[in-house]
Amino acid sequence: MIRIIALFILVIPGASAVLGIKIMRDTLFGIEYPILFTLWFQFIVGFLLFLLGLAFIAGFILYRDRKLGKTKGRFKS
């Protein structure tokens, strides 16, 4: 049960990162979403979604590896 909860915790930021990549790609092809004002604002929103999703997943993996003692000296707390 705990593994399923951990999977759901990782799926939501992963989906936001994928959505951010899609929004950035659509910006490069000139496809504008009506909820976002301009193309440059759309690109920034996509980039932030991508960065936040990636940072959450990276932090989750780093926290887990620290807890299990699998990190090198630089990342130990």
Protein backbone atom coordinates (compact mmCIF):
# COMPACT_ATOMS: atom_id res chain seq x y z
CA MET A 1 0.00 0.00 0.00
CA ILE A 2 2.85 2.40 0.80
CA ARG A 3 4.42 1.79 -2.61
CA ILE A 4 1.17 2.70 -4.33
CA ILE A 5 0.97 5.95 -2.37
CA ALA A 6 4.59 6.73 -3.28
CA LEU A 7 3.76 6.05 -6.92
CA PHE A 8 0.85 8.50 -6.81
CA ILE A 9 3.06 11.09 -5.11
CA LEU A 10 5.48 10.82 -8.05
CA VAL A 11 2.88 10.62 -10.83
CA ILE A 12 1.37 14.06 -10.17
CA PRO A 13 4.66 16.04 -10.45
CA GLY A 14 5.68 13.82 -13.35
CA ALA A 15 2.46 14.67 -15.16
CA SER A 16 3.01 18.38 -14.53
CA ALA A 17 6.53 18.10 -15.98
CA VAL A 18 5.15 16.37 -19.07
CA LEU A 19 2.47 19.05 -19.40
CA GLY A 20 5.17 21.71 -19.13
CA ILE A 21 7.14 20.10 -21.95
CA LYS A 22 3.98 19.96 -24.09
CA ILE A 23 3.17 23.62 -23.43
CA MET A 24 6.73 24.65 -24.33
CA ARG A 25 6.58 22.57 -27.52
CA ASP A 26 3.25 24.09 -28.50
CA THR A 27 4.73 27.54 -27.95
CA LEU A 28 7.57 26.81 -30.34
CA PHE A 29 5.04 25.74 -33.01
CA GLY A 30 2.88 28.81 -32.40
CA ILE A 31 -0.12 27.06 -30.84
CA GLU A 32 -1.58 29.41 -28.25
CA TYR A 33 -3.81 28.30 -25.39
CA PRO A 34 -6.73 30.66 -24.75
CA ILE A 35 -6.22 30.64 -20.96
CA LEU A 36 -2.63 31.87 -21.31
CA PHE A 37 -2.21 35.43 -22.58
CA THR A 38 0.74 35.43 -24.95
CA LEU A 39 3.23 32.95 -26.32
CA TRP A 40 6.12 34.14 -24.14
CA PHE A 41 3.96 33.85 -21.01
CA GLN A 42 2.86 30.39 -22.15
CA PHE A 43 6.51 29.33 -22.52
CA ILE A 44 7.36 30.62 -19.04
CA VAL A 45 4.42 28.74 -17.49
CA GLY A 46 5.49 25.55 -19.29
CA PHE A 47 9.07 25.98 -18.18
CA LEU A 48 8.02 26.52 -14.55
CA LEU A 49 5.77 23.45 -14.62
CA PHE A 50 8.65 21.41 -16.00
CA LEU A 51 11.15 22.70 -13.44
CA LEU A 52 8.84 22.24 -10.46
CA GLY A 53 7.92 18.70 -11.47
CA LEU A 54 11.53 17.76 -12.09
CA ALA A 55 12.72 19.35 -8.84
CA PHE A 56 10.08 17.50 -6.82
CA ILE A 57 10.99 14.14 -8.34
CA ALA A 58 14.72 14.80 -7.87
CA GLY A 59 14.20 15.84 -4.25
CA PHE A 60 12.08 12.77 -3.58
CA ILE A 61 14.75 10.45 -4.99
CA LEU A 62 17.54 12.26 -3.09
CA TYR A 63 15.60 12.06 0.18
CA ARG A 64 14.97 8.35 -0.32
CA ASP A 65 18.60 7.64 -1.18
CA ARG A 66 19.83 9.60 1.85
CA LYS A 67 17.50 7.63 4.07
CA LEU A 68 18.82 4.33 2.67
CA GLY A 69 22.46 5.46 2.87
CA LYS A 70 23.12 5.27 -0.89
CA THR A 71 24.51 8.79 -1.39
CA LYS A 72 28.11 9.90 -1.59
CA GLY A 73 29.74 12.24 0.93
CA ARG A 74 28.59 15.47 -0.69
CA PHE A 75 24.89 14.67 -0.37
CA LYS A 76 24.90 13.25 3.13
CA SER A 77 23.08 15.34 5.70
